[in-house]
Amino acid sequence: MRHLLLIMVLLLWPSSVQAEQSNIICEDRSRALQNIQDTYGEALVAYGLDISGNLVELYQNPETKSWTILVSLTKEVSCLVGAGTKLEILKIDGKKCARAVNGT
């Protein structure tokens, strides 16, 4: 799980840098979740807390490989901070993860 959270941070970091240049979509949490599930067929694959204590969630559709990262600022408000395609969830075993991260 720790390695999966590292992957989430690596995915989120470029998106948060770009967020300064683009609009982040924030809306009612239930509406955001319904949109992710109904429109993209994505399900929760990982979650954790960011440095500010906000809930960070990674959703993925295993068939289409689409993904979405939500950050929940409160129990009622979630913000879409990243989305894309071709997300591969690695089977976690330290050696494989290290090789994937190091590019070897």
N, C-alpha and C. Protein backbone atom coordinates (compact mmCIF):
# COMPACT_ATOMS: atom_id res chain seq x y z
N MET A 1 0.83 -1.19 0.00
CA MET A 1 0.00 0.00 0.00
C MET A 1 0.88 1.25 0.00
N ARG A 2 2.00 1.21 0.73
CA ARG A 2 2.87 2.38 0.79
C ARG A 2 3.39 2.74 -0.60
N HIS A 3 3.73 1.73 -1.41
CA HIS A 3 4.22 1.99 -2.75
C HIS A 3 3.13 2.57 -3.64
N LEU A 4 1.91 2.11 -3.45
CA LEU A 4 0.80 2.63 -4.24
C LEU A 4 0.56 4.10 -3.91
N LEU A 5 0.70 4.48 -2.64
CA LEU A 5 0.56 5.88 -2.27
C LEU A 5 1.67 6.72 -2.89
N LEU A 6 2.88 6.16 -2.99
CA LEU A 6 3.98 6.86 -3.64
C LEU A 6 3.64 7.12 -5.10
N ILE A 7 3.05 6.11 -5.75
CA ILE A 7 2.64 6.27 -7.14
C ILE A 7 1.60 7.38 -7.25
N MET A 8 0.66 7.42 -6.31
CA MET A 8 -0.36 8.48 -6.32
C MET A 8 0.28 9.85 -6.21
N VAL A 9 1.26 9.99 -5.32
CA VAL A 9 1.94 11.27 -5.14
C VAL A 9 2.64 11.67 -6.43
N LEU A 10 3.31 10.72 -7.07
CA LEU A 10 3.99 11.02 -8.32
C LEU A 10 3.02 11.44 -9.41
N LEU A 11 1.83 10.83 -9.42
CA LEU A 11 0.81 11.23 -10.39
C LEU A 11 0.22 12.59 -10.05
N LEU A 12 0.03 12.84 -8.76
CA LEU A 12 -0.61 14.08 -8.32
C LEU A 12 0.31 15.27 -8.45
N TRP A 13 1.59 15.10 -8.21
CA TRP A 13 2.52 16.23 -8.19
C TRP A 13 2.50 17.05 -9.48
N PRO A 14 2.64 16.43 -10.67
CA PRO A 14 2.57 17.25 -11.88
C PRO A 14 1.23 17.94 -12.04
N SER A 15 0.14 17.29 -11.64
CA SER A 15 -1.18 17.90 -11.76
C SER A 15 -1.31 19.10 -10.86
N SER A 16 -0.74 19.02 -9.64
CA SER A 16 -0.87 20.15 -8.72
C SER A 16 -0.06 21.34 -9.21
N VAL A 17 1.06 21.07 -9.87
CA VAL A 17 1.84 22.16 -10.45
C VAL A 17 1.05 22.83 -11.56
N GLN A 18 0.38 22.03 -12.38
CA GLN A 18 -0.42 22.57 -13.46
C GLN A 18 -1.68 23.26 -12.95
N ALA A 19 -2.13 22.92 -11.74
CA ALA A 19 -3.36 23.49 -11.21
C ALA A 19 -3.26 25.01 -11.10
N GLU A 20 -2.07 25.52 -10.89
CA GLU A 20 -1.90 26.96 -10.82
C GLU A 20 -2.22 27.60 -12.16
N GLN A 21 -2.08 26.85 -13.25
CA GLN A 21 -2.30 27.38 -14.58
C GLN A 21 -3.69 27.06 -15.13
N SER A 22 -4.40 26.15 -14.46
CA SER A 22 -5.73 25.76 -14.95
C SER A 22 -6.73 25.75 -13.81
N ASN A 23 -7.98 25.57 -14.16
CA ASN A 23 -9.04 25.54 -13.14
C ASN A 23 -9.18 24.14 -12.57
N ILE A 24 -9.25 24.06 -11.24
CA ILE A 24 -9.55 22.81 -10.56
C ILE A 24 -11.05 22.77 -10.37
N ILE A 25 -11.64 21.62 -10.65
CA ILE A 25 -13.09 21.48 -10.54
C ILE A 25 -13.43 20.96 -9.15
N CYS A 26 -14.15 21.76 -8.38
CA CYS A 26 -14.63 21.36 -7.05
C CYS A 26 -16.15 21.34 -7.07
N GLU A 27 -16.71 20.32 -6.44
CA GLU A 27 -18.16 20.21 -6.39
C GLU A 27 -18.56 19.34 -5.21
N ASP A 28 -19.85 19.20 -5.05
CA ASP A 28 -20.39 18.35 -4.01
C ASP A 28 -19.79 16.95 -4.14
N ARG A 29 -19.30 16.39 -3.04
CA ARG A 29 -18.62 15.10 -3.08
C ARG A 29 -19.48 14.00 -3.69
N SER A 30 -20.74 13.93 -3.31
CA SER A 30 -21.60 12.87 -3.85
C SER A 30 -21.77 13.01 -5.36
N ARG A 31 -21.85 14.24 -5.85
CA ARG A 31 -21.98 14.47 -7.29
C ARG A 31 -20.68 14.08 -8.02
N ALA A 32 -19.54 14.42 -7.42
CA ALA A 32 -18.25 14.07 -8.03
C ALA A 32 -18.09 12.55 -8.12
N LEU A 33 -18.43 11.85 -7.04
CA LEU A 33 -18.32 10.39 -7.03
C LEU A 33 -19.26 9.74 -8.04
N GLN A 34 -20.47 10.26 -8.12
CA GLN A 34 -21.44 9.71 -9.07
C GLN A 34 -20.93 9.89 -10.50
N ASN A 35 -20.37 11.05 -10.80
CA ASN A 35 -19.84 11.33 -12.14
C ASN A 35 -18.69 10.38 -12.47
N ILE A 36 -17.77 10.19 -11.52
CA ILE A 36 -16.62 9.30 -11.75
C ILE A 36 -17.10 7.87 -12.00
N GLN A 37 -18.06 7.42 -11.22
CA GLN A 37 -18.53 6.05 -11.34
C GLN A 37 -19.43 5.84 -12.55
N ASP A 38 -20.39 6.74 -12.75
CA ASP A 38 -21.36 6.56 -13.83
C ASP A 38 -20.78 6.90 -15.21
N THR A 39 -20.03 7.98 -15.31
CA THR A 39 -19.52 8.43 -16.60
C THR A 39 -18.29 7.65 -17.05
N TYR A 40 -17.38 7.38 -16.12
CA TYR A 40 -16.11 6.76 -16.48
C TYR A 40 -15.97 5.32 -16.01
N GLY A 41 -16.90 4.84 -15.20
CA GLY A 41 -16.83 3.47 -14.71
C GLY A 41 -15.64 3.21 -13.81
N GLU A 42 -15.18 4.24 -13.13
CA GLU A 42 -14.00 4.12 -12.28
C GLU A 42 -14.39 3.74 -10.85
N ALA A 43 -13.51 3.01 -10.21
CA ALA A 43 -13.70 2.59 -8.83
C ALA A 43 -12.45 2.97 -8.02
N LEU A 44 -12.63 3.13 -6.74
CA LEU A 44 -11.53 3.50 -5.85
C LEU A 44 -10.49 2.39 -5.81
N VAL A 45 -9.21 2.76 -6.04
CA VAL A 45 -8.13 1.77 -5.98
C VAL A 45 -7.10 2.11 -4.90
N ALA A 46 -7.07 3.37 -4.44
CA ALA A 46 -6.12 3.76 -3.39
C ALA A 46 -6.57 5.08 -2.77
N TYR A 47 -6.17 5.27 -1.53
CA TYR A 47 -6.46 6.54 -0.87
C TYR A 47 -5.42 6.79 0.21
N GLY A 48 -5.32 8.04 0.62
CA GLY A 48 -4.40 8.44 1.68
C GLY A 48 -4.67 9.87 2.07
N LEU A 49 -3.90 10.38 3.00
CA LEU A 49 -4.03 11.77 3.44
C LEU A 49 -2.85 12.57 2.94
N ASP A 50 -3.12 13.78 2.45
CA ASP A 50 -2.01 14.64 2.05
C ASP A 50 -1.43 15.34 3.28
N ILE A 51 -0.42 16.16 3.07
CA ILE A 51 0.27 16.81 4.18
C ILE A 51 -0.63 17.73 4.99
N SER A 52 -1.74 18.19 4.39
CA SER A 52 -2.69 19.06 5.09
C SER A 52 -3.82 18.28 5.75
N GLY A 53 -3.81 16.96 5.60
CA GLY A 53 -4.86 16.13 6.19
C GLY A 53 -6.07 15.93 5.30
N ASN A 54 -6.01 16.39 4.05
CA ASN A 54 -7.10 16.19 3.11
C ASN A 54 -7.06 14.77 2.56
N LEU A 55 -8.23 14.20 2.32
CA LEU A 55 -8.33 12.86 1.75
C LEU A 55 -8.00 12.92 0.26
N VAL A 56 -7.04 12.11 -0.18
CA VAL A 56 -6.67 12.00 -1.59
C VAL A 56 -7.05 10.61 -2.05
N GLU A 57 -7.81 10.54 -3.16
CA GLU A 57 -8.31 9.26 -3.65
C GLU A 57 -7.94 9.07 -5.12
N LEU A 58 -7.56 7.85 -5.45
CA LEU A 58 -7.26 7.49 -6.83
C LEU A 58 -8.31 6.51 -7.30
N TYR A 59 -8.99 6.86 -8.39
CA TYR A 59 -10.01 6.01 -9.00
C TYR A 59 -9.48 5.56 -10.35
N GLN A 60 -9.85 4.32 -10.75
CA GLN A 60 -9.41 3.81 -12.04
C GLN A 60 -10.47 2.89 -12.62
N ASN A 61 -10.56 2.91 -13.94
CA ASN A 61 -11.36 1.93 -14.66
C ASN A 61 -10.36 0.89 -15.18
N PRO A 62 -10.42 -0.35 -14.68
CA PRO A 62 -9.41 -1.35 -15.07
C PRO A 62 -9.47 -1.76 -16.53
N GLU A 63 -10.60 -1.55 -17.18
CA GLU A 63 -10.73 -1.92 -18.59
C GLU A 63 -10.20 -0.84 -19.51
N THR A 64 -10.60 0.43 -19.26
CA THR A 64 -10.19 1.52 -20.14
C THR A 64 -8.87 2.16 -19.70
N LYS A 65 -8.45 1.89 -18.46
CA LYS A 65 -7.24 2.44 -17.85
C LYS A 65 -7.35 3.95 -17.59
N SER A 66 -8.59 4.49 -17.63
CA SER A 66 -8.77 5.90 -17.26
C SER A 66 -8.61 6.02 -15.74
N TRP A 67 -8.20 7.22 -15.28
CA TRP A 67 -8.02 7.44 -13.85
C TRP A 67 -8.39 8.86 -13.48
N THR A 68 -8.72 9.04 -12.21
CA THR A 68 -9.08 10.34 -11.65
C THR A 68 -8.51 10.44 -10.25
N ILE A 69 -7.98 11.61 -9.90
CA ILE A 69 -7.54 11.87 -8.54
C ILE A 69 -8.45 12.95 -7.96
N LEU A 70 -9.08 12.62 -6.83
CA LEU A 70 -9.93 13.55 -6.10
C LEU A 70 -9.26 13.93 -4.79
N VAL A 71 -9.36 15.18 -4.41
CA VAL A 71 -8.93 15.63 -3.10
C VAL A 71 -10.17 16.18 -2.40
N SER A 72 -10.48 15.62 -1.24
CA SER A 72 -11.66 16.07 -0.49
C SER A 72 -11.22 17.05 0.58
N LEU A 73 -11.70 18.28 0.46
CA LEU A 73 -11.34 19.34 1.40
C LEU A 73 -12.19 19.27 2.66
N THR A 74 -13.42 18.79 2.51
CA THR A 74 -14.33 18.56 3.63
C THR A 74 -15.11 17.30 3.30
N LYS A 75 -16.01 16.91 4.18
CA LYS A 75 -16.85 15.74 3.89
C LYS A 75 -17.82 16.02 2.75
N GLU A 76 -18.07 17.30 2.47
CA GLU A 76 -19.05 17.66 1.44
C GLU A 76 -18.44 18.12 0.13
N VAL A 77 -17.18 18.54 0.11
CA VAL A 77 -16.58 19.13 -1.09
C VAL A 77 -15.35 18.34 -1.53
N SER A 78 -15.35 17.93 -2.80
CA SER A 78 -14.20 17.24 -3.39
C SER A 78 -13.78 17.98 -4.65
N CYS A 79 -12.47 17.96 -4.92
CA CYS A 79 -11.92 18.64 -6.09
C CYS A 79 -11.20 17.64 -6.98
N LEU A 80 -11.52 17.68 -8.26
CA LEU A 80 -10.83 16.87 -9.25
C LEU A 80 -9.52 17.59 -9.56
N VAL A 81 -8.40 16.96 -9.23
CA VAL A 81 -7.10 17.61 -9.44
C VAL A 81 -6.28 16.95 -10.53
N GLY A 82 -6.71 15.79 -11.00
CA GLY A 82 -6.00 15.13 -12.07
C GLY A 82 -6.84 14.03 -12.67
N ALA A 83 -6.67 13.80 -13.96
CA ALA A 83 -7.37 12.73 -14.66
C ALA A 83 -6.57 12.40 -15.91
N GLY A 84 -6.71 11.16 -16.36
CA GLY A 84 -5.97 10.78 -17.55
C GLY A 84 -6.29 9.38 -17.99
N THR A 85 -5.37 8.82 -18.78
CA THR A 85 -5.54 7.49 -19.34
C THR A 85 -4.27 6.68 -19.15
N LYS A 86 -4.35 5.41 -19.47
CA LYS A 86 -3.22 4.48 -19.48
C LYS A 86 -2.58 4.27 -18.12
N LEU A 87 -3.38 4.28 -17.05
CA LEU A 87 -2.86 4.02 -15.71
C LEU A 87 -2.72 2.52 -15.50
N GLU A 88 -1.56 2.09 -15.12
CA GLU A 88 -1.31 0.69 -14.80
C GLU A 88 -1.06 0.59 -13.30
N ILE A 89 -1.82 -0.25 -12.62
CA ILE A 89 -1.62 -0.51 -11.20
C ILE A 89 -0.65 -1.68 -11.08
N LEU A 90 0.47 -1.43 -10.45
CA LEU A 90 1.50 -2.46 -10.31
C LEU A 90 1.14 -3.43 -9.20
N LYS A 91 1.49 -4.66 -9.39
CA LYS A 91 1.39 -5.62 -8.31
C LYS A 91 2.56 -5.32 -7.39
N ILE A 92 2.26 -5.00 -6.16
CA ILE A 92 3.29 -4.53 -5.25
C ILE A 92 4.12 -5.68 -4.70
N ASP A 93 5.40 -5.61 -5.02
CA ASP A 93 6.42 -6.43 -4.37
C ASP A 93 7.68 -5.61 -4.54
N GLY A 94 8.26 -5.18 -3.46
CA GLY A 94 9.33 -4.19 -3.43
C GLY A 94 10.26 -4.17 -4.62
N LYS A 95 10.75 -5.33 -5.06
CA LYS A 95 11.73 -5.36 -6.15
C LYS A 95 11.13 -4.88 -7.45
N LYS A 96 9.92 -5.38 -7.80
CA LYS A 96 9.31 -4.94 -9.04
C LYS A 96 9.01 -3.46 -9.03
N CYS A 97 8.50 -2.96 -7.90
CA CYS A 97 8.17 -1.55 -7.79
C CYS A 97 9.43 -0.69 -7.93
N ALA A 98 10.52 -1.09 -7.28
CA ALA A 98 11.75 -0.34 -7.35
C ALA A 98 12.28 -0.30 -8.78
N ARG A 99 12.20 -1.43 -9.50
CA ARG A 99 12.67 -1.44 -10.88
C ARG A 99 11.81 -0.54 -11.75
N ALA A 100 10.49 -0.55 -11.50
CA ALA A 100 9.61 0.28 -12.30
C ALA A 100 9.88 1.75 -12.04
N VAL A 101 10.10 2.12 -10.79
CA VAL A 101 10.35 3.52 -10.45
C VAL A 101 11.70 3.96 -11.00
N ASN A 102 12.70 3.09 -10.93
CA ASN A 102 14.04 3.44 -11.40
C ASN A 102 14.19 3.28 -12.91
N GLY A 103 13.17 2.74 -13.54
CA GLY A 103 13.21 2.59 -14.99
C GLY A 103 14.07 1.43 -15.45
N THR A 104 14.38 0.48 -14.56
CA THR A 104 15.21 -0.66 -14.96
C THR A 104 14.40 -1.93 -15.00
